[in-house]
Amino acid sequence: TGGQGTSDGPSLVGVGAAAVDFQVGT
């Protein structure tokens, strides 16, 4: 819920806007 990550997905804290734009944009 806060981007801290779970067993099904890594933490998104500190990945930055570029990582989101790449992963979601592709």
mmCIF file of all heavy atoms, coordinates in Angstrom:
data_MODEL
# 
_entry.id   MODEL 
# 
loop_
_atom_site.group_PDB 
_atom_site.id 
_atom_site.type_symbol 
_atom_site.label_atom_id 
_atom_site.label_alt_id 
_atom_site.label_comp_id 
_atom_site.label_asym_id 
_atom_site.label_entity_id 
_atom_site.label_seq_id 
_atom_site.pdbx_PDB_ins_code 
_atom_site.Cartn_x 
_atom_site.Cartn_y 
_atom_site.Cartn_z 
_atom_site.occupancy 
_atom_site.B_iso_or_equiv 
_atom_site.pdbx_formal_charge 
_atom_site.auth_seq_id 
_atom_site.auth_comp_id 
_atom_site.auth_asym_id 
_atom_site.auth_atom_id 
_atom_site.pdbx_PDB_model_num 
ATOM 1   N N   . THR A 1 1  ? 0.803  -1.220  0.000   1.00 0.00 ? 1  THR A N   1 
ATOM 2   C CA  . THR A 1 1  ? 0.000  0.000   0.000   1.00 0.00 ? 1  THR A CA  1 
ATOM 3   C C   . THR A 1 1  ? 0.838  1.273   0.000   1.00 0.00 ? 1  THR A C   1 
ATOM 4   O O   . THR A 1 1  ? 0.409  2.309   -0.458  1.00 0.00 ? 1  THR A O   1 
ATOM 5   C CB  . THR A 1 1  ? -0.931 0.017   1.233   1.00 0.00 ? 1  THR A CB  1 
ATOM 6   O OG1 . THR A 1 1  ? -0.138 -0.156  2.422   1.00 0.00 ? 1  THR A OG1 1 
ATOM 7   C CG2 . THR A 1 1  ? -1.950 -1.108  1.154   1.00 0.00 ? 1  THR A CG2 1 
ATOM 8   N N   . GLY A 1 2  ? 2.069  1.185   0.520   1.00 0.00 ? 2  GLY A N   1 
ATOM 9   C CA  . GLY A 1 2  ? 2.950  2.350   0.540   1.00 0.00 ? 2  GLY A CA  1 
ATOM 10  C C   . GLY A 1 2  ? 4.183  2.176   -0.325  1.00 0.00 ? 2  GLY A C   1 
ATOM 11  O O   . GLY A 1 2  ? 5.163  2.910   -0.157  1.00 0.00 ? 2  GLY A O   1 
ATOM 12  N N   . GLY A 1 3  ? 4.142  1.208   -1.237  1.00 0.00 ? 3  GLY A N   1 
ATOM 13  C CA  . GLY A 1 3  ? 5.279  0.974   -2.110  1.00 0.00 ? 3  GLY A CA  1 
ATOM 14  C C   . GLY A 1 3  ? 6.432  0.264   -1.444  1.00 0.00 ? 3  GLY A C   1 
ATOM 15  O O   . GLY A 1 3  ? 7.537  0.213   -1.975  1.00 0.00 ? 3  GLY A O   1 
ATOM 16  N N   . GLN A 1 4  ? 6.196  -0.305  -0.256  1.00 0.00 ? 4  GLN A N   1 
ATOM 17  C CA  . GLN A 1 4  ? 7.274  -0.936  0.505   1.00 0.00 ? 4  GLN A CA  1 
ATOM 18  C C   . GLN A 1 4  ? 7.636  -2.316  -0.015  1.00 0.00 ? 4  GLN A C   1 
ATOM 19  O O   . GLN A 1 4  ? 8.646  -2.892  0.369   1.00 0.00 ? 4  GLN A O   1 
ATOM 20  C CB  . GLN A 1 4  ? 6.892  -1.026  1.984   1.00 0.00 ? 4  GLN A CB  1 
ATOM 21  C CG  . GLN A 1 4  ? 5.826  -2.077  2.305   1.00 0.00 ? 4  GLN A CG  1 
ATOM 22  C CD  . GLN A 1 4  ? 4.406  -1.582  2.093   1.00 0.00 ? 4  GLN A CD  1 
ATOM 23  O OE1 . GLN A 1 4  ? 4.185  -0.529  1.487   1.00 0.00 ? 4  GLN A OE1 1 
ATOM 24  N NE2 . GLN A 1 4  ? 3.433  -2.338  2.593   1.00 0.00 ? 4  GLN A NE2 1 
ATOM 25  N N   . GLY A 1 5  ? 6.813  -2.865  -0.916  1.00 0.00 ? 5  GLY A N   1 
ATOM 26  C CA  . GLY A 1 5  ? 7.083  -4.178  -1.481  1.00 0.00 ? 5  GLY A CA  1 
ATOM 27  C C   . GLY A 1 5  ? 6.433  -5.294  -0.694  1.00 0.00 ? 5  GLY A C   1 
ATOM 28  O O   . GLY A 1 5  ? 6.130  -5.145  0.494   1.00 0.00 ? 5  GLY A O   1 
ATOM 29  N N   . THR A 1 6  ? 6.194  -6.427  -1.360  1.00 0.00 ? 6  THR A N   1 
ATOM 30  C CA  . THR A 1 6  ? 5.655  -7.629  -0.723  1.00 0.00 ? 6  THR A CA  1 
ATOM 31  C C   . THR A 1 6  ? 6.388  -8.836  -1.304  1.00 0.00 ? 6  THR A C   1 
ATOM 32  O O   . THR A 1 6  ? 7.334  -8.699  -2.084  1.00 0.00 ? 6  THR A O   1 
ATOM 33  C CB  . THR A 1 6  ? 4.140  -7.773  -0.991  1.00 0.00 ? 6  THR A CB  1 
ATOM 34  O OG1 . THR A 1 6  ? 3.941  -8.054  -2.391  1.00 0.00 ? 6  THR A OG1 1 
ATOM 35  C CG2 . THR A 1 6  ? 3.380  -6.505  -0.630  1.00 0.00 ? 6  THR A CG2 1 
ATOM 36  N N   . SER A 1 7  ? 5.931  -10.011 -0.944  1.00 0.00 ? 7  SER A N   1 
ATOM 37  C CA  . SER A 1 7  ? 6.536  -11.233 -1.487  1.00 0.00 ? 7  SER A CA  1 
ATOM 38  C C   . SER A 1 7  ? 6.260  -11.360 -2.989  1.00 0.00 ? 7  SER A C   1 
ATOM 39  O O   . SER A 1 7  ? 6.950  -12.109 -3.686  1.00 0.00 ? 7  SER A O   1 
ATOM 40  C CB  . SER A 1 7  ? 5.994  -12.461 -0.752  1.00 0.00 ? 7  SER A CB  1 
ATOM 41  O OG  . SER A 1 7  ? 4.571  -12.521 -0.850  1.00 0.00 ? 7  SER A OG  1 
ATOM 42  N N   . ASP A 1 8  ? 5.264  -10.629 -3.490  1.00 0.00 ? 8  ASP A N   1 
ATOM 43  C CA  . ASP A 1 8  ? 4.909  -10.703 -4.906  1.00 0.00 ? 8  ASP A CA  1 
ATOM 44  C C   . ASP A 1 8  ? 5.518  -9.583  -5.749  1.00 0.00 ? 8  ASP A C   1 
ATOM 45  O O   . ASP A 1 8  ? 5.413  -9.596  -6.971  1.00 0.00 ? 8  ASP A O   1 
ATOM 46  C CB  . ASP A 1 8  ? 3.378  -10.657 -5.075  1.00 0.00 ? 8  ASP A CB  1 
ATOM 47  C CG  . ASP A 1 8  ? 2.703  -11.871 -4.479  1.00 0.00 ? 8  ASP A CG  1 
ATOM 48  O OD1 . ASP A 1 8  ? 3.286  -12.975 -4.586  1.00 0.00 ? 8  ASP A OD1 1 
ATOM 49  O OD2 . ASP A 1 8  ? 1.615  -11.723 -3.903  1.00 0.00 ? 8  ASP A OD2 1 
ATOM 50  N N   . GLY A 1 9  ? 6.139  -8.597  -5.110  1.00 0.00 ? 9  GLY A N   1 
ATOM 51  C CA  . GLY A 1 9  ? 6.706  -7.480  -5.859  1.00 0.00 ? 9  GLY A CA  1 
ATOM 52  C C   . GLY A 1 9  ? 7.722  -6.719  -5.039  1.00 0.00 ? 9  GLY A C   1 
ATOM 53  O O   . GLY A 1 9  ? 7.590  -6.614  -3.814  1.00 0.00 ? 9  GLY A O   1 
ATOM 54  N N   . PRO A 1 10 ? 8.749  -6.167  -5.683  1.00 0.00 ? 10 PRO A N   1 
ATOM 55  C CA  . PRO A 1 10 ? 9.803  -5.453  -4.950  1.00 0.00 ? 10 PRO A CA  1 
ATOM 56  C C   . PRO A 1 10 ? 9.344  -4.090  -4.447  1.00 0.00 ? 10 PRO A C   1 
ATOM 57  O O   . PRO A 1 10 ? 8.321  -3.554  -4.893  1.00 0.00 ? 10 PRO A O   1 
ATOM 58  C CB  . PRO A 1 10 ? 10.902 -5.294  -6.006  1.00 0.00 ? 10 PRO A CB  1 
ATOM 59  C CG  . PRO A 1 10 ? 10.156 -5.255  -7.310  1.00 0.00 ? 10 PRO A CG  1 
ATOM 60  C CD  . PRO A 1 10 ? 9.001  -6.194  -7.135  1.00 0.00 ? 10 PRO A CD  1 
ATOM 61  N N   . SER A 1 11 ? 10.134 -3.526  -3.552  1.00 0.00 ? 11 SER A N   1 
ATOM 62  C CA  . SER A 1 11 ? 9.866  -2.176  -3.063  1.00 0.00 ? 11 SER A CA  1 
ATOM 63  C C   . SER A 1 11 ? 10.071 -1.160  -4.184  1.00 0.00 ? 11 SER A C   1 
ATOM 64  O O   . SER A 1 11 ? 10.956 -1.302  -5.022  1.00 0.00 ? 11 SER A O   1 
ATOM 65  C CB  . SER A 1 11 ? 10.809 -1.856  -1.904  1.00 0.00 ? 11 SER A CB  1 
ATOM 66  O OG  . SER A 1 11 ? 10.728 -0.483  -1.552  1.00 0.00 ? 11 SER A OG  1 
ATOM 67  N N   . LEU A 1 12 ? 9.233  -0.136  -4.182  1.00 0.00 ? 12 LEU A N   1 
ATOM 68  C CA  . LEU A 1 12 ? 9.345  0.932   -5.179  1.00 0.00 ? 12 LEU A CA  1 
ATOM 69  C C   . LEU A 1 12 ? 9.879  2.219   -4.568  1.00 0.00 ? 12 LEU A C   1 
ATOM 70  O O   . LEU A 1 12 ? 9.954  3.241   -5.259  1.00 0.00 ? 12 LEU A O   1 
ATOM 71  C CB  . LEU A 1 12 ? 7.970  1.199   -5.812  1.00 0.00 ? 12 LEU A CB  1 
ATOM 72  C CG  . LEU A 1 12 ? 7.332  0.023   -6.556  1.00 0.00 ? 12 LEU A CG  1 
ATOM 73  C CD1 . LEU A 1 12 ? 5.987  0.430   -7.149  1.00 0.00 ? 12 LEU A CD1 1 
ATOM 74  C CD2 . LEU A 1 12 ? 8.260  -0.510  -7.646  1.00 0.00 ? 12 LEU A CD2 1 
ATOM 75  N N   . VAL A 1 13 ? 10.260 2.180   -3.314  1.00 0.00 ? 13 VAL A N   1 
ATOM 76  C CA  . VAL A 1 13 ? 10.794 3.363   -2.656  1.00 0.00 ? 13 VAL A CA  1 
ATOM 77  C C   . VAL A 1 13 ? 12.190 3.653   -3.206  1.00 0.00 ? 13 VAL A C   1 
ATOM 78  O O   . VAL A 1 13 ? 13.101 2.827   -3.108  1.00 0.00 ? 13 VAL A O   1 
ATOM 79  C CB  . VAL A 1 13 ? 10.858 3.177   -1.132  1.00 0.00 ? 13 VAL A CB  1 
ATOM 80  C CG1 . VAL A 1 13 ? 11.477 4.399   -0.471  1.00 0.00 ? 13 VAL A CG1 1 
ATOM 81  C CG2 . VAL A 1 13 ? 9.472  2.901   -0.573  1.00 0.00 ? 13 VAL A CG2 1 
ATOM 82  N N   . GLY A 1 14 ? 12.351 4.810   -3.845  1.00 0.00 ? 14 GLY A N   1 
ATOM 83  C CA  . GLY A 1 14 ? 13.645 5.205   -4.373  1.00 0.00 ? 14 GLY A CA  1 
ATOM 84  C C   . GLY A 1 14 ? 13.928 4.768   -5.800  1.00 0.00 ? 14 GLY A C   1 
ATOM 85  O O   . GLY A 1 14 ? 15.018 5.037   -6.307  1.00 0.00 ? 14 GLY A O   1 
ATOM 86  N N   . VAL A 1 15 ? 12.973 4.106   -6.466  1.00 0.00 ? 15 VAL A N   1 
ATOM 87  C CA  . VAL A 1 15 ? 13.235 3.693   -7.858  1.00 0.00 ? 15 VAL A CA  1 
ATOM 88  C C   . VAL A 1 15 ? 13.150 4.878   -8.810  1.00 0.00 ? 15 VAL A C   1 
ATOM 89  O O   . VAL A 1 15 ? 13.731 4.855   -9.902  1.00 0.00 ? 15 VAL A O   1 
ATOM 90  C CB  . VAL A 1 15 ? 12.276 2.573   -8.302  1.00 0.00 ? 15 VAL A CB  1 
ATOM 91  C CG1 . VAL A 1 15 ? 12.409 1.363   -7.411  1.00 0.00 ? 15 VAL A CG1 1 
ATOM 92  C CG2 . VAL A 1 15 ? 10.814 3.063   -8.343  1.00 0.00 ? 15 VAL A CG2 1 
ATOM 93  N N   . GLY A 1 16 ? 12.398 5.916   -8.429  1.00 0.00 ? 16 GLY A N   1 
ATOM 94  C CA  . GLY A 1 16 ? 12.320 7.120   -9.243  1.00 0.00 ? 16 GLY A CA  1 
ATOM 95  C C   . GLY A 1 16 ? 11.257 7.069   -10.322 1.00 0.00 ? 16 GLY A C   1 
ATOM 96  O O   . GLY A 1 16 ? 10.729 6.013   -10.663 1.00 0.00 ? 16 GLY A O   1 
ATOM 97  N N   . ALA A 1 17 ? 10.994 8.236   -10.889 1.00 0.00 ? 17 ALA A N   1 
ATOM 98  C CA  . ALA A 1 17 ? 9.965  8.362   -11.927 1.00 0.00 ? 17 ALA A CA  1 
ATOM 99  C C   . ALA A 1 17 ? 10.368 7.655   -13.211 1.00 0.00 ? 17 ALA A C   1 
ATOM 100 O O   . ALA A 1 17 ? 9.519  7.151   -13.951 1.00 0.00 ? 17 ALA A O   1 
ATOM 101 C CB  . ALA A 1 17 ? 9.681  9.843   -12.200 1.00 0.00 ? 17 ALA A CB  1 
ATOM 102 N N   . ALA A 1 18 ? 11.672 7.605   -13.515 1.00 0.00 ? 18 ALA A N   1 
ATOM 103 C CA  . ALA A 1 18 ? 12.133 6.989   -14.766 1.00 0.00 ? 18 ALA A CA  1 
ATOM 104 C C   . ALA A 1 18 ? 11.789 5.509   -14.816 1.00 0.00 ? 18 ALA A C   1 
ATOM 105 O O   . ALA A 1 18 ? 11.408 4.976   -15.864 1.00 0.00 ? 18 ALA A O   1 
ATOM 106 C CB  . ALA A 1 18 ? 13.636 7.193   -14.929 1.00 0.00 ? 18 ALA A CB  1 
ATOM 107 N N   . ALA A 1 19 ? 11.937 4.811   -13.695 1.00 0.00 ? 19 ALA A N   1 
ATOM 108 C CA  . ALA A 1 19 ? 11.620 3.379   -13.654 1.00 0.00 ? 19 ALA A CA  1 
ATOM 109 C C   . ALA A 1 19 ? 10.139 3.141   -13.906 1.00 0.00 ? 19 ALA A C   1 
ATOM 110 O O   . ALA A 1 19 ? 9.756  2.200   -14.615 1.00 0.00 ? 19 ALA A O   1 
ATOM 111 C CB  . ALA A 1 19 ? 12.033 2.794   -12.299 1.00 0.00 ? 19 ALA A CB  1 
ATOM 112 N N   . VAL A 1 20 ? 9.293  3.992   -13.345 1.00 0.00 ? 20 VAL A N   1 
ATOM 113 C CA  . VAL A 1 20 ? 7.851  3.867   -13.552 1.00 0.00 ? 20 VAL A CA  1 
ATOM 114 C C   . VAL A 1 20 ? 7.498  4.129   -15.008 1.00 0.00 ? 20 VAL A C   1 
ATOM 115 O O   . VAL A 1 20 ? 6.728  3.379   -15.630 1.00 0.00 ? 20 VAL A O   1 
ATOM 116 C CB  . VAL A 1 20 ? 7.085  4.834   -12.634 1.00 0.00 ? 20 VAL A CB  1 
ATOM 117 C CG1 . VAL A 1 20 ? 5.584  4.728   -12.882 1.00 0.00 ? 20 VAL A CG1 1 
ATOM 118 C CG2 . VAL A 1 20 ? 7.407  4.555   -11.181 1.00 0.00 ? 20 VAL A CG2 1 
ATOM 119 N N   . ASP A 1 21 ? 8.065  5.181   -15.572 1.00 0.00 ? 21 ASP A N   1 
ATOM 120 C CA  . ASP A 1 21 ? 7.775  5.526   -16.968 1.00 0.00 ? 21 ASP A CA  1 
ATOM 121 C C   . ASP A 1 21 ? 8.192  4.390   -17.900 1.00 0.00 ? 21 ASP A C   1 
ATOM 122 O O   . ASP A 1 21 ? 7.487  4.079   -18.865 1.00 0.00 ? 21 ASP A O   1 
ATOM 123 C CB  . ASP A 1 21 ? 8.501  6.815   -17.344 1.00 0.00 ? 21 ASP A CB  1 
ATOM 124 C CG  . ASP A 1 21 ? 8.056  7.363   -18.685 1.00 0.00 ? 21 ASP A CG  1 
ATOM 125 O OD1 . ASP A 1 21 ? 6.953  7.950   -18.746 1.00 0.00 ? 21 ASP A OD1 1 
ATOM 126 O OD2 . ASP A 1 21 ? 8.789  7.194   -19.686 1.00 0.00 ? 21 ASP A OD2 1 
ATOM 127 N N   . PHE A 1 22 ? 9.327  3.737   -17.598 1.00 0.00 ? 22 PHE A N   1 
ATOM 128 C CA  . PHE A 1 22 ? 9.780  2.626   -18.439 1.00 0.00 ? 22 PHE A CA  1 
ATOM 129 C C   . PHE A 1 22 ? 8.881  1.403   -18.270 1.00 0.00 ? 22 PHE A C   1 
ATOM 130 O O   . PHE A 1 22 ? 8.378  0.838   -19.247 1.00 0.00 ? 22 PHE A O   1 
ATOM 131 C CB  . PHE A 1 22 ? 11.226 2.251   -18.091 1.00 0.00 ? 22 PHE A CB  1 
ATOM 132 C CG  . PHE A 1 22 ? 11.688 0.995   -18.778 1.00 0.00 ? 22 PHE A CG  1 
ATOM 133 C CD1 . PHE A 1 22 ? 12.144 1.045   -20.090 1.00 0.00 ? 22 PHE A CD1 1 
ATOM 134 C CD2 . PHE A 1 22 ? 11.638 -0.227  -18.124 1.00 0.00 ? 22 PHE A CD2 1 
ATOM 135 C CE1 . PHE A 1 22 ? 12.552 -0.122  -20.732 1.00 0.00 ? 22 PHE A CE1 1 
ATOM 136 C CE2 . PHE A 1 22 ? 12.046 -1.392  -18.761 1.00 0.00 ? 22 PHE A CE2 1 
ATOM 137 C CZ  . PHE A 1 22 ? 12.507 -1.330  -20.066 1.00 0.00 ? 22 PHE A CZ  1 
ATOM 138 N N   . GLN A 1 23 ? 8.694  0.962   -17.025 1.00 0.00 ? 23 GLN A N   1 
ATOM 139 C CA  . GLN A 1 23 ? 7.974  -0.280  -16.786 1.00 0.00 ? 23 GLN A CA  1 
ATOM 140 C C   . GLN A 1 23 ? 6.514  -0.199  -17.228 1.00 0.00 ? 23 GLN A C   1 
ATOM 141 O O   . GLN A 1 23 ? 5.991  -1.136  -17.849 1.00 0.00 ? 23 GLN A O   1 
ATOM 142 C CB  . GLN A 1 23 ? 8.042  -0.645  -15.290 1.00 0.00 ? 23 GLN A CB  1 
ATOM 143 C CG  . GLN A 1 23 ? 9.432  -0.960  -14.774 1.00 0.00 ? 23 GLN A CG  1 
ATOM 144 C CD  . GLN A 1 23 ? 9.937  -2.320  -15.212 1.00 0.00 ? 23 GLN A CD  1 
ATOM 145 O OE1 . GLN A 1 23 ? 9.260  -3.052  -15.920 1.00 0.00 ? 23 GLN A OE1 1 
ATOM 146 N NE2 . GLN A 1 23 ? 11.135 -2.661  -14.799 1.00 0.00 ? 23 GLN A NE2 1 
ATOM 147 N N   . VAL A 1 24 ? 5.855  0.908   -16.916 1.00 0.00 ? 24 VAL A N   1 
ATOM 148 C CA  . VAL A 1 24 ? 4.439  1.052   -17.273 1.00 0.00 ? 24 VAL A CA  1 
ATOM 149 C C   . VAL A 1 24 ? 4.296  1.452   -18.744 1.00 0.00 ? 24 VAL A C   1 
ATOM 150 O O   . VAL A 1 24 ? 3.395  0.981   -19.434 1.00 0.00 ? 24 VAL A O   1 
ATOM 151 C CB  . VAL A 1 24 ? 3.755  2.080   -16.348 1.00 0.00 ? 24 VAL A CB  1 
ATOM 152 C CG1 . VAL A 1 24 ? 2.274  2.200   -16.695 1.00 0.00 ? 24 VAL A CG1 1 
ATOM 153 C CG2 . VAL A 1 24 ? 3.924  1.684   -14.890 1.00 0.00 ? 24 VAL A CG2 1 
ATOM 154 N N   . GLY A 1 25 ? 5.214  2.297   -19.223 1.00 0.00 ? 25 GLY A N   1 
ATOM 155 C CA  . GLY A 1 25 ? 5.129  2.740   -20.618 1.00 0.00 ? 25 GLY A CA  1 
ATOM 156 C C   . GLY A 1 25 ? 5.370  1.638   -21.619 1.00 0.00 ? 25 GLY A C   1 
ATOM 157 O O   . GLY A 1 25 ? 4.855  1.686   -22.746 1.00 0.00 ? 25 GLY A O   1 
ATOM 158 N N   . THR A 1 26 ? 6.152  0.615   -21.259 1.00 0.00 ? 26 THR A N   1 
ATOM 159 C CA  . THR A 1 26 ? 6.395  -0.522  -22.149 1.00 0.00 ? 26 THR A CA  1 
ATOM 160 C C   . THR A 1 26 ? 5.419  -1.668  -21.898 1.00 0.00 ? 26 THR A C   1 
ATOM 161 O O   . THR A 1 26 ? 5.535  -2.725  -22.523 1.00 0.00 ? 26 THR A O   1 
ATOM 162 C CB  . THR A 1 26 ? 7.834  -1.054  -21.979 1.00 0.00 ? 26 THR A CB  1 
ATOM 163 O OG1 . THR A 1 26 ? 8.030  -1.468  -20.627 1.00 0.00 ? 26 THR A OG1 1 
ATOM 164 C CG2 . THR A 1 26 ? 8.858  0.023   -22.336 1.00 0.00 ? 26 THR A CG2 1 
# 
